[in-house]
N, C-alpha and C. Protein backbone atom coordinates (compact mmCIF):
# COMPACT_ATOMS: atom_id res chain seq x y z
N MET A 1 158.97 62.55 49.67
CA MET A 1 159.05 61.32 48.90
C MET A 1 159.51 61.60 47.46
N VAL A 2 158.98 62.66 46.87
CA VAL A 2 159.40 63.04 45.52
C VAL A 2 160.90 63.33 45.48
N GLU A 3 161.40 64.03 46.49
CA GLU A 3 162.82 64.37 46.52
C GLU A 3 163.68 63.13 46.72
N LEU A 4 163.21 62.19 47.54
CA LEU A 4 163.94 60.93 47.73
C LEU A 4 164.05 60.17 46.40
N ILE A 5 162.94 60.11 45.68
CA ILE A 5 162.94 59.43 44.38
C ILE A 5 163.87 60.14 43.41
N ARG A 6 163.80 61.48 43.36
CA ARG A 6 164.65 62.24 42.45
C ARG A 6 166.12 61.99 42.72
N GLN A 7 166.53 62.02 43.99
CA GLN A 7 167.92 61.80 44.35
C GLN A 7 168.37 60.39 43.98
N HIS A 8 167.53 59.41 44.26
CA HIS A 8 167.91 58.01 44.00
C HIS A 8 168.04 57.75 42.50
N LEU A 9 167.11 58.27 41.71
CA LEU A 9 167.18 58.06 40.27
C LEU A 9 168.35 58.81 39.65
N SER A 10 168.61 60.01 40.15
CA SER A 10 169.72 60.80 39.62
C SER A 10 171.06 60.15 39.90
N ALA A 11 171.11 59.32 40.95
CA ALA A 11 172.36 58.64 41.30
C ALA A 11 172.64 57.44 40.40
N GLN A 12 171.66 57.03 39.60
CA GLN A 12 171.85 55.89 38.69
C GLN A 12 172.62 56.36 37.45
N GLU A 13 173.63 55.60 37.05
CA GLU A 13 174.46 56.01 35.92
C GLU A 13 173.68 56.06 34.60
N ASP A 14 172.63 55.25 34.49
CA ASP A 14 171.89 55.17 33.23
C ASP A 14 170.58 55.95 33.25
N MET A 15 170.42 56.84 34.23
CA MET A 15 169.16 57.58 34.33
C MET A 15 169.41 59.06 34.56
N GLU A 16 168.49 59.87 34.07
CA GLU A 16 168.51 61.30 34.29
C GLU A 16 167.09 61.79 34.55
N VAL A 17 166.90 62.49 35.64
CA VAL A 17 165.61 63.08 35.95
C VAL A 17 165.54 64.43 35.23
N VAL A 18 164.70 64.52 34.20
CA VAL A 18 164.67 65.74 33.38
C VAL A 18 163.74 66.80 33.95
N CYS A 19 162.75 66.41 34.73
CA CYS A 19 161.89 67.41 35.37
C CYS A 19 161.05 66.74 36.46
N VAL A 20 160.57 67.58 37.37
CA VAL A 20 159.72 67.13 38.47
C VAL A 20 158.52 68.07 38.55
N ALA A 21 157.34 67.53 38.74
CA ALA A 21 156.14 68.35 38.89
C ALA A 21 155.37 67.88 40.12
N TYR A 22 154.59 68.78 40.70
CA TYR A 22 153.87 68.45 41.93
C TYR A 22 152.36 68.48 41.76
N ASN A 23 151.91 68.67 40.52
CA ASN A 23 150.47 68.55 40.25
C ASN A 23 150.31 68.20 38.77
N GLY A 24 149.12 67.76 38.40
CA GLY A 24 148.88 67.28 37.05
C GLY A 24 149.03 68.34 35.98
N GLU A 25 148.57 69.56 36.26
CA GLU A 25 148.67 70.63 35.27
C GLU A 25 150.13 70.99 34.99
N SER A 26 150.91 71.08 36.05
CA SER A 26 152.33 71.37 35.90
C SER A 26 153.04 70.25 35.16
N CYS A 27 152.62 69.03 35.41
CA CYS A 27 153.19 67.86 34.73
C CYS A 27 153.01 67.98 33.21
N LEU A 28 151.80 68.26 32.78
CA LEU A 28 151.53 68.37 31.34
C LEU A 28 152.29 69.54 30.72
N GLU A 29 152.38 70.63 31.45
CA GLU A 29 153.11 71.80 30.93
C GLU A 29 154.58 71.47 30.72
N LYS A 30 155.19 70.80 31.69
CA LYS A 30 156.61 70.48 31.59
C LYS A 30 156.88 69.43 30.53
N LEU A 31 155.95 68.49 30.36
CA LEU A 31 156.13 67.48 29.32
C LEU A 31 156.12 68.09 27.93
N GLY A 32 155.53 69.27 27.80
CA GLY A 32 155.51 69.94 26.52
C GLY A 32 156.83 70.58 26.15
N HIS A 33 157.75 70.65 27.13
CA HIS A 33 159.03 71.31 26.88
C HIS A 33 160.24 70.39 27.01
N VAL A 34 160.03 69.16 27.43
CA VAL A 34 161.16 68.23 27.57
C VAL A 34 160.82 66.90 26.91
N GLU A 35 161.86 66.16 26.55
CA GLU A 35 161.67 64.82 26.03
C GLU A 35 161.99 63.83 27.15
N THR A 36 161.12 62.87 27.35
CA THR A 36 161.34 61.89 28.41
C THR A 36 160.86 60.53 27.96
N ASP A 37 161.53 59.50 28.44
CA ASP A 37 161.17 58.13 28.08
C ASP A 37 160.11 57.55 29.01
N VAL A 38 160.20 57.91 30.29
CA VAL A 38 159.32 57.32 31.30
C VAL A 38 158.76 58.41 32.19
N LEU A 39 157.47 58.34 32.44
CA LEU A 39 156.80 59.27 33.35
C LEU A 39 156.31 58.50 34.57
N LEU A 40 156.77 58.91 35.75
CA LEU A 40 156.27 58.34 37.00
C LEU A 40 155.08 59.20 37.42
N LEU A 41 153.93 58.59 37.53
CA LEU A 41 152.70 59.36 37.71
C LEU A 41 151.89 58.84 38.88
N ASP A 42 151.64 59.70 39.85
CA ASP A 42 150.79 59.34 40.97
C ASP A 42 149.33 59.56 40.58
N ILE A 43 148.46 58.69 41.05
CA ILE A 43 147.04 58.88 40.77
C ILE A 43 146.50 60.09 41.51
N ILE A 44 146.91 60.27 42.77
CA ILE A 44 146.39 61.37 43.58
C ILE A 44 147.31 62.58 43.48
N MET A 45 146.84 63.64 42.82
CA MET A 45 147.59 64.89 42.69
C MET A 45 146.61 66.07 42.70
N PRO A 46 147.08 67.23 43.14
CA PRO A 46 146.19 68.41 43.12
C PRO A 46 145.97 68.95 41.71
N HIS A 47 144.90 69.71 41.56
CA HIS A 47 144.52 70.41 40.32
C HIS A 47 144.06 69.45 39.22
N LEU A 48 144.92 68.49 38.87
CA LEU A 48 144.57 67.49 37.86
C LEU A 48 145.20 66.17 38.30
N ASP A 49 144.37 65.15 38.50
CA ASP A 49 144.91 63.89 39.01
C ASP A 49 145.58 63.07 37.91
N GLY A 50 146.13 61.92 38.30
CA GLY A 50 146.85 61.08 37.35
C GLY A 50 146.00 60.61 36.19
N LEU A 51 144.74 60.31 36.46
CA LEU A 51 143.85 59.87 35.39
C LEU A 51 143.62 61.00 34.38
N GLY A 52 143.53 62.23 34.88
CA GLY A 52 143.38 63.38 33.99
C GLY A 52 144.60 63.56 33.10
N VAL A 53 145.78 63.34 33.68
CA VAL A 53 147.01 63.43 32.89
C VAL A 53 147.04 62.35 31.81
N LEU A 54 146.64 61.13 32.18
CA LEU A 54 146.61 60.04 31.21
C LEU A 54 145.66 60.35 30.06
N GLU A 55 144.51 60.90 30.38
CA GLU A 55 143.53 61.27 29.35
C GLU A 55 144.13 62.29 28.38
N ALA A 56 144.85 63.27 28.93
CA ALA A 56 145.47 64.29 28.09
C ALA A 56 146.57 63.69 27.21
N LEU A 57 147.32 62.76 27.75
CA LEU A 57 148.41 62.15 26.99
C LEU A 57 147.88 61.29 25.85
N MET A 58 146.68 60.72 26.03
CA MET A 58 146.11 59.89 24.97
C MET A 58 145.83 60.69 23.71
N ASN A 59 145.63 61.99 23.85
CA ASN A 59 145.31 62.85 22.71
C ASN A 59 146.56 63.38 22.01
N GLN A 60 147.74 63.02 22.52
CA GLN A 60 148.98 63.47 21.91
C GLN A 60 149.54 62.41 20.98
N LYS A 61 150.29 62.86 19.97
CA LYS A 61 150.85 61.92 19.00
C LYS A 61 151.86 60.97 19.63
N SER A 62 152.65 61.47 20.53
CA SER A 62 153.63 60.63 21.22
C SER A 62 153.67 61.02 22.68
N SER A 63 153.92 60.06 23.53
CA SER A 63 153.98 60.31 24.96
C SER A 63 154.88 59.27 25.60
N PRO A 64 155.42 59.56 26.78
CA PRO A 64 156.31 58.60 27.44
C PRO A 64 155.53 57.40 27.99
N ALA A 65 156.26 56.33 28.22
CA ALA A 65 155.66 55.20 28.93
C ALA A 65 155.35 55.65 30.35
N VAL A 66 154.21 55.21 30.88
CA VAL A 66 153.77 55.68 32.19
C VAL A 66 153.83 54.55 33.21
N ILE A 67 154.54 54.81 34.30
CA ILE A 67 154.52 53.92 35.46
C ILE A 67 153.66 54.60 36.50
N MET A 68 152.56 53.95 36.85
CA MET A 68 151.60 54.54 37.78
C MET A 68 151.96 54.15 39.22
N LEU A 69 152.06 55.14 40.07
CA LEU A 69 152.30 54.91 41.49
C LEU A 69 150.98 55.06 42.21
N SER A 70 150.55 54.01 42.89
CA SER A 70 149.21 54.05 43.46
C SER A 70 149.09 53.19 44.69
N ALA A 71 148.22 53.61 45.59
CA ALA A 71 147.88 52.79 46.75
C ALA A 71 146.74 51.84 46.43
N PHE A 72 146.20 51.90 45.20
CA PHE A 72 145.11 51.05 44.75
C PHE A 72 143.93 51.08 45.71
N GLY A 73 143.53 52.30 46.09
CA GLY A 73 142.42 52.42 47.01
C GLY A 73 141.11 51.90 46.44
N LYS A 74 140.93 52.04 45.12
CA LYS A 74 139.69 51.59 44.51
C LYS A 74 140.00 50.79 43.25
N ASP A 75 139.37 49.63 43.12
CA ASP A 75 139.59 48.80 41.94
C ASP A 75 139.23 49.53 40.66
N GLU A 76 138.14 50.32 40.70
CA GLU A 76 137.68 51.00 39.49
C GLU A 76 138.71 51.98 38.97
N VAL A 77 139.44 52.61 39.88
CA VAL A 77 140.45 53.59 39.47
C VAL A 77 141.58 52.91 38.72
N SER A 78 142.06 51.76 39.23
CA SER A 78 143.15 51.07 38.55
C SER A 78 142.70 50.54 37.19
N GLN A 79 141.47 50.08 37.09
CA GLN A 79 140.94 49.62 35.81
C GLN A 79 140.93 50.76 34.80
N GLN A 80 140.52 51.94 35.25
CA GLN A 80 140.45 53.08 34.36
C GLN A 80 141.85 53.50 33.91
N ALA A 81 142.82 53.42 34.83
CA ALA A 81 144.19 53.78 34.48
C ALA A 81 144.74 52.87 33.38
N VAL A 82 144.44 51.59 33.47
CA VAL A 82 144.88 50.64 32.45
C VAL A 82 144.25 50.98 31.11
N SER A 83 142.97 51.28 31.13
CA SER A 83 142.27 51.59 29.88
C SER A 83 142.78 52.88 29.26
N LEU A 84 143.37 53.75 30.08
CA LEU A 84 143.90 55.02 29.58
C LEU A 84 145.36 54.92 29.17
N GLY A 85 145.93 53.73 29.29
CA GLY A 85 147.27 53.55 28.75
C GLY A 85 148.41 53.41 29.72
N ALA A 86 148.14 53.32 31.02
CA ALA A 86 149.23 53.10 31.98
C ALA A 86 149.90 51.76 31.70
N ALA A 87 151.23 51.77 31.60
CA ALA A 87 151.95 50.55 31.23
C ALA A 87 152.20 49.66 32.44
N TYR A 88 152.55 50.25 33.56
CA TYR A 88 152.92 49.48 34.74
C TYR A 88 152.40 50.17 35.99
N PHE A 89 152.29 49.37 37.06
CA PHE A 89 151.91 49.88 38.37
C PHE A 89 152.98 49.53 39.39
N LEU A 90 153.17 50.42 40.34
CA LEU A 90 153.94 50.10 41.53
C LEU A 90 153.05 50.42 42.72
N LEU A 91 152.92 49.44 43.58
CA LEU A 91 152.04 49.58 44.73
C LEU A 91 152.78 50.23 45.89
N LYS A 92 152.18 51.25 46.48
CA LYS A 92 152.77 51.88 47.67
C LYS A 92 152.50 51.01 48.90
N PRO A 93 153.46 50.93 49.82
CA PRO A 93 154.83 51.47 49.71
C PRO A 93 155.71 50.55 48.87
N PHE A 94 156.66 51.13 48.16
CA PHE A 94 157.59 50.35 47.34
C PHE A 94 159.01 50.78 47.68
N SER A 95 159.98 49.94 47.34
CA SER A 95 161.37 50.29 47.57
C SER A 95 161.89 51.07 46.37
N LEU A 96 162.89 51.90 46.60
CA LEU A 96 163.48 52.68 45.52
C LEU A 96 164.20 51.78 44.52
N ASP A 97 164.79 50.70 45.01
CA ASP A 97 165.45 49.74 44.11
C ASP A 97 164.42 49.08 43.20
N GLN A 98 163.25 48.80 43.73
CA GLN A 98 162.17 48.21 42.94
C GLN A 98 161.74 49.18 41.84
N LEU A 99 161.68 50.46 42.16
CA LEU A 99 161.31 51.47 41.18
C LEU A 99 162.35 51.54 40.06
N VAL A 100 163.61 51.54 40.43
CA VAL A 100 164.70 51.58 39.44
C VAL A 100 164.60 50.39 38.50
N ASN A 101 164.36 49.22 39.07
CA ASN A 101 164.25 48.01 38.26
C ASN A 101 163.09 48.12 37.28
N LYS A 102 161.97 48.64 37.74
CA LYS A 102 160.79 48.77 36.88
C LYS A 102 161.06 49.74 35.73
N ILE A 103 161.74 50.84 36.00
CA ILE A 103 162.07 51.80 34.95
C ILE A 103 162.94 51.15 33.89
N ARG A 104 163.93 50.39 34.32
CA ARG A 104 164.81 49.72 33.35
C ARG A 104 164.04 48.71 32.51
N LEU A 105 163.09 48.03 33.12
CA LEU A 105 162.27 47.08 32.37
C LEU A 105 161.46 47.79 31.30
N VAL A 106 160.90 48.94 31.67
CA VAL A 106 160.08 49.70 30.72
C VAL A 106 160.93 50.18 29.54
N VAL A 107 162.10 50.72 29.83
CA VAL A 107 162.95 51.31 28.80
C VAL A 107 163.56 50.23 27.89
N ASN A 108 164.01 49.15 28.51
CA ASN A 108 164.75 48.14 27.76
C ASN A 108 163.89 47.00 27.25
N GLY A 109 162.66 46.93 27.70
CA GLY A 109 161.79 45.85 27.25
C GLY A 109 162.30 44.48 27.66
N VAL A 110 162.89 44.39 28.85
CA VAL A 110 163.46 43.13 29.31
C VAL A 110 162.35 42.13 29.59
N GLN A 111 162.53 40.90 29.12
CA GLN A 111 161.57 39.84 29.35
C GLN A 111 162.15 38.80 30.31
N PRO A 112 161.31 38.13 31.09
CA PRO A 112 161.81 37.08 31.98
C PRO A 112 162.49 35.97 31.19
N SER A 113 163.48 35.38 31.80
CA SER A 113 164.21 34.29 31.16
C SER A 113 163.27 33.11 30.90
N GLN A 114 163.40 32.53 29.71
CA GLN A 114 162.56 31.40 29.35
C GLN A 114 163.27 30.06 29.59
N ALA A 115 164.47 30.13 30.18
CA ALA A 115 165.24 28.91 30.38
C ALA A 115 164.55 27.95 31.35
N GLU A 116 163.79 28.48 32.26
CA GLU A 116 163.11 27.68 33.27
C GLU A 116 161.63 28.08 33.28
N PRO A 117 160.71 27.12 33.37
CA PRO A 117 159.29 27.48 33.41
C PRO A 117 159.01 28.51 34.49
N VAL A 118 158.18 29.47 34.16
CA VAL A 118 157.90 30.56 35.10
C VAL A 118 157.31 30.03 36.40
N GLU A 119 156.42 29.05 36.29
CA GLU A 119 155.80 28.49 37.49
C GLU A 119 156.85 27.92 38.43
N THR A 120 157.84 27.25 37.87
CA THR A 120 158.92 26.68 38.68
C THR A 120 159.74 27.78 39.34
N LYS A 121 160.03 28.83 38.58
CA LYS A 121 160.83 29.93 39.10
C LYS A 121 160.11 30.65 40.24
N VAL A 122 158.80 30.83 40.12
CA VAL A 122 158.04 31.48 41.18
C VAL A 122 158.06 30.64 42.45
N GLY A 123 157.82 29.34 42.30
CA GLY A 123 157.86 28.44 43.45
C GLY A 123 159.21 28.44 44.14
N THR A 124 160.28 28.41 43.34
CA THR A 124 161.63 28.43 43.89
C THR A 124 161.89 29.72 44.65
N THR A 125 161.46 30.84 44.09
CA THR A 125 161.65 32.13 44.75
C THR A 125 160.92 32.20 46.07
N LEU A 126 159.67 31.72 46.10
CA LEU A 126 158.90 31.74 47.34
C LEU A 126 159.56 30.89 48.42
N ARG A 127 160.09 29.73 48.02
CA ARG A 127 160.79 28.89 49.00
C ARG A 127 162.06 29.57 49.50
N GLU A 128 162.78 30.20 48.59
CA GLU A 128 164.04 30.84 48.97
C GLU A 128 163.85 31.98 49.97
N ILE A 129 162.74 32.69 49.86
CA ILE A 129 162.52 33.81 50.77
C ILE A 129 161.80 33.39 52.04
N GLY A 130 161.45 32.11 52.14
CA GLY A 130 160.96 31.60 53.43
C GLY A 130 159.52 31.20 53.52
N ILE A 131 158.78 31.21 52.40
CA ILE A 131 157.38 30.77 52.44
C ILE A 131 157.36 29.24 52.44
N ALA A 132 156.77 28.65 53.47
CA ALA A 132 156.76 27.19 53.59
C ALA A 132 155.89 26.57 52.50
N PRO A 133 156.45 25.65 51.69
CA PRO A 133 155.72 25.12 50.54
C PRO A 133 154.57 24.17 50.89
N HIS A 134 154.49 23.70 52.15
CA HIS A 134 153.47 22.73 52.50
C HIS A 134 152.15 23.38 52.95
N ILE A 135 152.13 24.71 53.05
CA ILE A 135 150.91 25.37 53.52
C ILE A 135 150.12 25.93 52.34
N LYS A 136 148.82 26.13 52.56
CA LYS A 136 147.95 26.61 51.49
C LYS A 136 148.37 27.98 50.99
N GLY A 137 148.86 28.81 51.90
CA GLY A 137 149.27 30.16 51.52
C GLY A 137 150.33 30.16 50.43
N PHE A 138 151.21 29.17 50.46
CA PHE A 138 152.26 29.05 49.44
C PHE A 138 151.62 28.87 48.06
N THR A 139 150.70 27.93 47.96
CA THR A 139 150.02 27.66 46.68
C THR A 139 149.27 28.88 46.19
N TYR A 140 148.55 29.54 47.10
CA TYR A 140 147.76 30.71 46.70
C TYR A 140 148.67 31.86 46.25
N LEU A 141 149.77 32.08 46.97
CA LEU A 141 150.68 33.15 46.62
C LEU A 141 151.35 32.88 45.27
N LYS A 142 151.72 31.63 45.04
CA LYS A 142 152.35 31.28 43.76
C LYS A 142 151.39 31.56 42.60
N GLU A 143 150.14 31.15 42.77
CA GLU A 143 149.17 31.37 41.71
C GLU A 143 148.88 32.85 41.53
N ALA A 144 148.88 33.60 42.63
CA ALA A 144 148.64 35.04 42.54
C ALA A 144 149.75 35.73 41.75
N VAL A 145 150.99 35.36 42.02
CA VAL A 145 152.13 35.95 41.30
C VAL A 145 152.04 35.61 39.81
N LEU A 146 151.72 34.37 39.50
CA LEU A 146 151.60 33.95 38.10
C LEU A 146 150.50 34.73 37.38
N LEU A 147 149.39 34.94 38.06
CA LEU A 147 148.29 35.70 37.47
C LEU A 147 148.68 37.16 37.22
N VAL A 148 149.41 37.74 38.20
CA VAL A 148 149.84 39.13 38.07
C VAL A 148 150.89 39.28 36.97
N LEU A 149 151.72 38.27 36.78
CA LEU A 149 152.70 38.32 35.70
C LEU A 149 152.01 38.35 34.34
N GLU A 150 150.84 37.74 34.26
CA GLU A 150 150.07 37.76 33.01
C GLU A 150 149.26 39.04 32.88
N ARG A 151 148.72 39.52 34.01
CA ARG A 151 147.89 40.72 34.00
C ARG A 151 148.25 41.58 35.21
N GLU A 152 149.11 42.56 34.99
CA GLU A 152 149.59 43.38 36.10
C GLU A 152 148.49 44.19 36.76
N ASP A 153 147.43 44.50 36.01
CA ASP A 153 146.35 45.29 36.59
C ASP A 153 145.62 44.55 37.70
N LEU A 154 145.83 43.23 37.82
CA LEU A 154 145.18 42.47 38.88
C LEU A 154 145.64 42.91 40.27
N LEU A 155 146.80 43.57 40.35
CA LEU A 155 147.24 44.10 41.63
C LEU A 155 146.26 45.14 42.16
N GLY A 156 145.57 45.79 41.26
CA GLY A 156 144.56 46.76 41.67
C GLY A 156 143.18 46.16 41.80
N LEU A 157 143.08 44.86 41.52
CA LEU A 157 141.78 44.16 41.57
C LEU A 157 141.89 42.95 42.50
N ILE A 158 142.68 43.09 43.54
CA ILE A 158 143.03 41.93 44.34
C ILE A 158 141.83 41.34 45.07
N THR A 159 140.95 42.20 45.59
CA THR A 159 139.78 41.67 46.30
C THR A 159 138.64 41.33 45.35
N LYS A 160 138.53 42.09 44.27
CA LYS A 160 137.42 41.89 43.35
C LYS A 160 137.64 40.73 42.39
N GLU A 161 138.91 40.51 41.99
CA GLU A 161 139.15 39.53 40.94
C GLU A 161 140.21 38.48 41.30
N LEU A 162 141.33 38.91 41.89
CA LEU A 162 142.43 37.97 42.14
C LEU A 162 142.06 36.90 43.17
N TYR A 163 141.61 37.32 44.35
CA TYR A 163 141.21 36.34 45.37
C TYR A 163 140.10 35.41 44.87
N PRO A 164 139.02 35.97 44.29
CA PRO A 164 137.94 35.10 43.82
C PRO A 164 138.39 34.10 42.75
N THR A 165 139.30 34.51 41.86
CA THR A 165 139.79 33.60 40.81
C THR A 165 140.49 32.39 41.42
N ILE A 166 141.36 32.67 42.40
CA ILE A 166 142.09 31.59 43.07
C ILE A 166 141.13 30.73 43.89
N ALA A 167 140.18 31.38 44.54
CA ALA A 167 139.21 30.65 45.37
C ALA A 167 138.38 29.68 44.54
N ARG A 168 137.93 30.12 43.38
CA ARG A 168 137.13 29.23 42.52
C ARG A 168 137.92 28.00 42.10
N LYS A 169 139.19 28.19 41.81
CA LYS A 169 140.02 27.07 41.38
C LYS A 169 140.15 26.03 42.48
N HIS A 170 140.20 26.48 43.73
CA HIS A 170 140.43 25.57 44.86
C HIS A 170 139.15 25.31 45.66
N GLN A 171 138.03 25.73 45.11
CA GLN A 171 136.73 25.49 45.73
C GLN A 171 136.70 25.95 47.19
N THR A 172 137.13 27.18 47.38
CA THR A 172 137.11 27.78 48.71
C THR A 172 136.59 29.21 48.57
N THR A 173 136.75 30.01 49.60
CA THR A 173 136.25 31.39 49.56
C THR A 173 137.40 32.38 49.41
N ALA A 174 137.08 33.55 48.90
CA ALA A 174 138.11 34.58 48.72
C ALA A 174 138.71 35.01 50.06
N SER A 175 137.88 35.05 51.10
CA SER A 175 138.38 35.46 52.42
C SER A 175 139.38 34.44 52.97
N ARG A 176 139.16 33.15 52.70
CA ARG A 176 140.10 32.13 53.15
C ARG A 176 141.41 32.21 52.38
N VAL A 177 141.32 32.53 51.10
CA VAL A 177 142.53 32.73 50.31
C VAL A 177 143.34 33.90 50.88
N GLU A 178 142.65 34.98 51.18
CA GLU A 178 143.31 36.17 51.74
C GLU A 178 143.98 35.85 53.07
N ARG A 179 143.27 35.16 53.95
CA ARG A 179 143.82 34.84 55.27
C ARG A 179 145.01 33.90 55.18
N ALA A 180 144.93 32.91 54.28
CA ALA A 180 146.03 31.96 54.13
C ALA A 180 147.29 32.66 53.62
N MET A 181 147.11 33.58 52.68
CA MET A 181 148.26 34.36 52.19
C MET A 181 148.87 35.20 53.31
N ARG A 182 148.01 35.89 54.05
CA ARG A 182 148.48 36.77 55.12
C ARG A 182 149.24 35.97 56.18
N HIS A 183 148.72 34.80 56.54
CA HIS A 183 149.38 33.95 57.53
C HIS A 183 150.75 33.51 57.05
N ALA A 184 150.84 33.12 55.79
CA ALA A 184 152.11 32.65 55.23
C ALA A 184 153.15 33.76 55.24
N ILE A 185 152.74 34.96 54.87
CA ILE A 185 153.67 36.10 54.81
C ILE A 185 154.12 36.50 56.20
N LYS A 186 153.18 36.62 57.14
CA LYS A 186 153.53 37.03 58.50
C LYS A 186 154.45 36.02 59.17
N SER A 187 154.18 34.74 58.98
CA SER A 187 155.00 33.70 59.59
C SER A 187 156.42 33.76 59.06
N ALA A 188 156.56 33.90 57.74
CA ALA A 188 157.88 33.95 57.12
C ALA A 188 158.63 35.22 57.52
N TRP A 189 157.88 36.32 57.66
CA TRP A 189 158.51 37.58 58.05
C TRP A 189 159.13 37.48 59.43
N LYS A 190 158.42 36.81 60.36
CA LYS A 190 158.93 36.64 61.72
C LYS A 190 160.16 35.73 61.75
N GLU A 191 160.25 34.84 60.75
CA GLU A 191 161.37 33.89 60.71
C GLU A 191 162.57 34.45 59.94
N GLY A 192 162.52 35.72 59.56
CA GLY A 192 163.69 36.34 58.95
C GLY A 192 163.57 36.71 57.49
N MET A 193 162.38 36.57 56.89
CA MET A 193 162.22 36.92 55.48
C MET A 193 162.54 38.39 55.24
N ASN A 194 162.35 39.23 56.26
CA ASN A 194 162.59 40.67 56.12
C ASN A 194 164.05 40.99 55.79
N GLU A 195 164.96 40.04 56.03
CA GLU A 195 166.38 40.27 55.76
C GLU A 195 166.78 39.84 54.35
N HIS A 196 165.85 39.27 53.60
CA HIS A 196 166.17 38.82 52.24
C HIS A 196 166.42 40.02 51.33
N THR A 197 167.35 39.86 50.38
CA THR A 197 167.71 40.96 49.49
C THR A 197 166.54 41.43 48.63
N LEU A 198 165.55 40.58 48.42
CA LEU A 198 164.39 40.97 47.61
C LEU A 198 163.70 42.19 48.20
N PHE A 199 163.81 42.36 49.53
CA PHE A 199 163.12 43.47 50.21
C PHE A 199 164.06 44.61 50.57
N ASN A 200 165.25 44.64 49.96
CA ASN A 200 166.18 45.74 50.20
C ASN A 200 165.55 47.07 49.81
N GLY A 201 165.68 48.04 50.69
CA GLY A 201 165.15 49.37 50.40
C GLY A 201 163.72 49.57 50.81
N ARG A 202 163.07 48.51 51.31
CA ARG A 202 161.69 48.67 51.75
C ARG A 202 161.67 49.57 52.98
N ILE A 203 160.75 50.51 52.98
CA ILE A 203 160.74 51.54 54.03
C ILE A 203 160.33 50.97 55.38
N GLU A 204 159.26 50.18 55.43
CA GLU A 204 158.75 49.67 56.71
C GLU A 204 159.23 48.24 56.94
N GLN A 205 160.48 48.10 57.34
CA GLN A 205 161.06 46.77 57.52
C GLN A 205 160.50 46.03 58.74
N GLU A 206 160.01 46.78 59.72
CA GLU A 206 159.53 46.13 60.94
C GLU A 206 158.15 45.48 60.74
N LYS A 207 157.41 45.94 59.76
CA LYS A 207 156.08 45.40 59.51
C LYS A 207 156.10 44.48 58.30
N SER A 208 155.39 43.36 58.40
CA SER A 208 155.30 42.46 57.25
C SER A 208 154.47 43.11 56.15
N PRO A 209 154.82 42.87 54.88
CA PRO A 209 154.06 43.49 53.79
C PRO A 209 152.65 42.94 53.70
N LYS A 210 151.74 43.76 53.23
CA LYS A 210 150.39 43.29 52.96
C LYS A 210 150.43 42.34 51.77
N ASN A 211 149.37 41.57 51.60
CA ASN A 211 149.34 40.58 50.52
C ASN A 211 149.67 41.20 49.16
N SER A 212 149.01 42.30 48.84
CA SER A 212 149.19 42.92 47.53
C SER A 212 150.61 43.44 47.37
N GLU A 213 151.18 43.99 48.43
CA GLU A 213 152.55 44.50 48.37
C GLU A 213 153.53 43.35 48.15
N PHE A 214 153.33 42.25 48.88
CA PHE A 214 154.21 41.09 48.74
C PHE A 214 154.15 40.53 47.32
N ILE A 215 152.94 40.39 46.79
CA ILE A 215 152.78 39.87 45.43
C ILE A 215 153.46 40.80 44.43
N SER A 216 153.36 42.11 44.68
CA SER A 216 154.00 43.09 43.81
C SER A 216 155.52 42.93 43.84
N TYR A 217 156.11 42.76 45.03
CA TYR A 217 157.55 42.58 45.15
C TYR A 217 158.01 41.35 44.39
N VAL A 218 157.32 40.23 44.60
CA VAL A 218 157.75 38.98 43.97
C VAL A 218 157.58 39.04 42.46
N SER A 219 156.46 39.59 41.99
CA SER A 219 156.23 39.65 40.54
C SER A 219 157.24 40.57 39.87
N ASN A 220 157.57 41.67 40.52
CA ASN A 220 158.61 42.56 39.97
C ASN A 220 159.97 41.90 39.96
N HIS A 221 160.24 41.10 40.98
CA HIS A 221 161.49 40.34 41.03
C HIS A 221 161.55 39.34 39.89
N MET A 222 160.42 38.68 39.60
CA MET A 222 160.39 37.72 38.51
C MET A 222 160.59 38.41 37.16
N ASN A 223 160.04 39.57 36.99
CA ASN A 223 160.21 40.32 35.74
C ASN A 223 161.65 40.71 35.51
N GLY A 224 162.37 40.95 36.61
CA GLY A 224 163.74 41.38 36.46
C GLY A 224 164.76 40.27 36.52
N SER A 225 164.30 39.04 36.79
CA SER A 225 165.23 37.92 36.96
C SER A 225 165.64 37.34 35.63
């Protein structure tokens, strides 16, 4: 996976991979000898994990912007990463094109267009990719994307905070919110959503994305639109 990422990023005209490390200690050592704008950092690494690297970077005068790559196995871990200075998250599995887009956003500070209300743009995007607007899952997914656009760390708090927040607003339960989202995504995927350009480069095209992965794709698309 590291080699696939290295090759894909190196093929971009505006990017250069200055070094690659396979554990946290090696990462810190190499950062001491090269200048880099963006660090792609996995939470799970041998010798010293991603959180340990973030802690070490906090004690330095200057450090690169950090994009955290994580499966978000535990809400507490993602919360700690945010508190230690992680700028962005990408949820595994992710597409290589999505990663490239996120790096450009970090470097260039690109902001979403203000020409159209964000809520309208999210709704339009969901309809375009095949989520039926008359079902509850559409409403829940739209609100989830809007919440994540405001607080990206909510992707790592999907069961603890995101679902309950939406459920309280609609006077329902978090489990019903989760099921409605999952039903909407699976139904649209079977109807051809998997062929939409938004999911180009996704590794597991035969399987519909999980709720958190889908929300991550759409929110990243909105950031880059």
